[in-house]
C-alpha atoms as a PDB file:
ATOM      1  CA  UNK A   1     -23.440   9.148  21.202  1.00  0.00           C
ATOM      2  CA  UNK A   2     -22.779   8.600  24.911  1.00  0.00           C
ATOM      3  CA  UNK A   3     -19.573   9.998  26.406  1.00  0.00           C
ATOM      4  CA  UNK A   4     -16.642   7.591  26.215  1.00  0.00           C
ATOM      5  CA  UNK A   5     -15.389   6.083  29.430  1.00  0.00           C
ATOM      6  CA  UNK A   6     -11.705   6.272  30.184  1.00  0.00           C
ATOM      7  CA  UNK A   7     -11.459   2.489  29.698  1.00  0.00           C
ATOM      8  CA  UNK A   8     -13.103   2.656  26.255  1.00  0.00           C
ATOM      9  CA  UNK A   9     -10.892   5.579  25.279  1.00  0.00           C
ATOM     10  CA  UNK A  10      -7.770   3.761  26.440  1.00  0.00           C
ATOM     11  CA  UNK A  11      -8.835   0.687  24.463  1.00  0.00           C
ATOM     12  CA  UNK A  12      -9.389   2.732  21.295  1.00  0.00           C
ATOM     13  CA  UNK A  13      -6.041   4.524  21.679  1.00  0.00           C
ATOM     14  CA  UNK A  14      -4.292   1.179  22.150  1.00  0.00           C
ATOM     15  CA  UNK A  15      -5.928  -0.143  18.974  1.00  0.00           C
ATOM     16  CA  UNK A  16      -4.865   2.992  17.075  1.00  0.00           C
ATOM     17  CA  UNK A  17      -1.261   2.662  18.256  1.00  0.00           C
ATOM     18  CA  UNK A  18      -1.313  -0.990  17.204  1.00  0.00           C
ATOM     19  CA  UNK A  19      -2.495  -0.026  13.714  1.00  0.00           C
ATOM     20  CA  UNK A  20       0.150   2.700  13.452  1.00  0.00           C
ATOM     21  CA  UNK A  21       2.819   0.202  14.491  1.00  0.00           C
ATOM     22  CA  UNK A  22       1.567  -2.282  11.889  1.00  0.00           C
ATOM     23  CA  UNK A  23       1.635   0.452   9.231  1.00  0.00           C
ATOM     24  CA  UNK A  24       5.174   1.423  10.231  1.00  0.00           C
ATOM     25  CA  UNK A  25       6.647  -2.076  10.373  1.00  0.00           C
ATOM     26  CA  UNK A  26       4.398  -3.926   7.932  1.00  0.00           C
ATOM     27  CA  UNK A  27       2.467  -7.118   8.412  1.00  0.00           C
ATOM     28  CA  UNK A  28       5.182  -9.407   7.041  1.00  0.00           C
ATOM     29  CA  UNK A  29       8.529  -9.269   8.869  1.00  0.00           C
ATOM     30  CA  UNK A  30       9.930 -11.588   6.185  1.00  0.00           C
ATOM     31  CA  UNK A  31       9.520  -8.775   3.637  1.00  0.00           C
ATOM     32  CA  UNK A  32      11.782  -6.552   5.750  1.00  0.00           C
ATOM     33  CA  UNK A  33      14.266  -9.403   6.118  1.00  0.00           C
ATOM     34  CA  UNK A  34      14.308  -9.907   2.336  1.00  0.00           C
ATOM     35  CA  UNK A  35      14.934  -6.202   1.842  1.00  0.00           C
ATOM     36  CA  UNK A  36      17.809  -6.271   4.345  1.00  0.00           C
ATOM     37  CA  UNK A  37      19.243  -9.421   2.734  1.00  0.00           C
ATOM     38  CA  UNK A  38      19.537  -7.456  -0.515  1.00  0.00           C
ATOM     39  CA  UNK A  39      21.492  -4.770   1.326  1.00  0.00           C
ATOM     40  CA  UNK A  40      18.544  -2.378   1.204  1.00  0.00           C
ATOM     41  CA  UNK A  41      16.626  -0.457   3.847  1.00  0.00           C
ATOM     42  CA  UNK A  42      12.869  -0.073   4.088  1.00  0.00           C
ATOM     43  CA  UNK A  43      11.321   3.245   3.062  1.00  0.00           C
ATOM     44  CA  UNK A  44      10.789   4.246   6.695  1.00  0.00           C
ATOM     45  CA  UNK A  45      14.397   3.366   7.559  1.00  0.00           C
ATOM     46  CA  UNK A  46      15.670   5.544   4.696  1.00  0.00           C
ATOM     47  CA  UNK A  47      13.441   8.420   5.804  1.00  0.00           C
ATOM     48  CA  UNK A  48      14.795   8.129   9.358  1.00  0.00           C
ATOM     49  CA  UNK A  49      18.353   8.396   8.035  1.00  0.00           C
ATOM     50  CA  UNK A  50      17.579  11.420   5.871  1.00  0.00           C
ATOM     51  CA  UNK A  51      15.477  13.536   8.224  1.00  0.00           C
ATOM     52  CA  UNK A  52      16.149  15.009  11.642  1.00  0.00           C
ATOM     53  CA  UNK A  53      15.224  12.622  14.438  1.00  0.00           C
ATOM     54  CA  UNK A  54      11.531  12.752  15.300  1.00  0.00           C
ATOM     55  CA  UNK A  55      10.680  15.356  12.656  1.00  0.00           C
ATOM     56  CA  UNK A  56       8.833  13.137  10.168  1.00  0.00           C
ATOM     57  CA  UNK A  57       5.072  13.666   9.998  1.00  0.00           C
ATOM     58  CA  UNK A  58       3.484  10.952   7.907  1.00  0.00           C
ATOM     59  CA  UNK A  59       0.297  11.620   5.951  1.00  0.00           C
ATOM     60  CA  UNK A  60      -2.398   8.955   5.634  1.00  0.00           C
ATOM     61  CA  UNK A  61      -0.289   6.119   7.009  1.00  0.00           C
ATOM     62  CA  UNK A  62      -3.440   4.070   7.619  1.00  0.00           C
ATOM     63  CA  UNK A  63      -4.883   4.424   4.103  1.00  0.00           C
ATOM     64  CA  UNK A  64      -5.730   1.179   2.295  1.00  0.00           C
ATOM     65  CA  UNK A  65      -6.554   0.518  -1.344  1.00  0.00           C
ATOM     66  CA  UNK A  66     -10.021  -0.527  -2.512  1.00  0.00           C
ATOM     67  CA  UNK A  67      -8.927  -2.501  -5.569  1.00  0.00           C
ATOM     68  CA  UNK A  68     -10.482  -5.830  -6.466  1.00  0.00           C
ATOM     69  CA  UNK A  69      -9.369  -8.588  -8.791  1.00  0.00           C
ATOM     70  CA  UNK A  70      -6.110 -10.505  -8.973  1.00  0.00           C
ATOM     71  CA  UNK A  71      -6.559 -11.366  -5.277  1.00  0.00           C
ATOM     72  CA  UNK A  72      -6.020  -7.754  -4.185  1.00  0.00           C
ATOM     73  CA  UNK A  73      -9.170  -7.717  -2.051  1.00  0.00           C
ATOM     74  CA  UNK A  74      -7.443 -10.156   0.345  1.00  0.00           C
ATOM     75  CA  UNK A  75      -4.214  -8.133   0.613  1.00  0.00           C
ATOM     76  CA  UNK A  76      -4.675  -4.618   1.945  1.00  0.00           C
ATOM     77  CA  UNK A  77      -1.531  -3.350   3.667  1.00  0.00           C
ATOM     78  CA  UNK A  78      -1.595   0.003   5.422  1.00  0.00           C
ATOM     79  CA  UNK A  79      -0.082   2.719   3.295  1.00  0.00           C
ATOM     80  CA  UNK A  80      -0.460   0.578   0.181  1.00  0.00           C
ATOM     81  CA  UNK A  81       3.284   0.702  -0.473  1.00  0.00           C
ATOM     82  CA  UNK A  82       3.487   4.506  -0.369  1.00  0.00           C
ATOM     83  CA  UNK A  83       5.075   6.637   2.348  1.00  0.00           C
ATOM     84  CA  UNK A  84       4.173  10.325   2.219  1.00  0.00           C
ATOM     85  CA  UNK A  85       4.916  13.117   4.641  1.00  0.00           C
ATOM     86  CA  UNK A  86       7.284  15.900   5.575  1.00  0.00           C
ATOM     87  CA  UNK A  87      10.083  16.578   8.015  1.00  0.00           C
ATOM     88  CA  UNK A  88      13.230  18.612   8.517  1.00  0.00           C
ATOM     89  CA  UNK A  89      16.838  18.228   7.411  1.00  0.00           C
ATOM     90  CA  UNK A  90      19.242  20.133   9.642  1.00  0.00           C
ATOM     91  CA  UNK A  91      16.285  22.085  10.998  1.00  0.00           C
ATOM     92  CA  UNK A  92      14.943  23.136   7.596  1.00  0.00           C
ATOM     93  CA  UNK A  93      11.600  21.878   6.298  1.00  0.00           C
END
């Protein structure tokens, strides 16, 4: 594999950040709006309230399911509806 140029590396990092942002905010902003309309927060919003700022380390945020049938092969959100990770509360893990 040839060494990556700085332009190619920058492009790949931009794509990764875009995917992470999509995983964090979801692909359907209407889903977040519906959650807020019910007086609820998203899972990530609740985690941000619970943990110390910037301490959350998410595990496998970009994982997608491999299920088929019932139309699932067309709908593959990042995280597959699960948020897993660790962080600190008042400095304690």
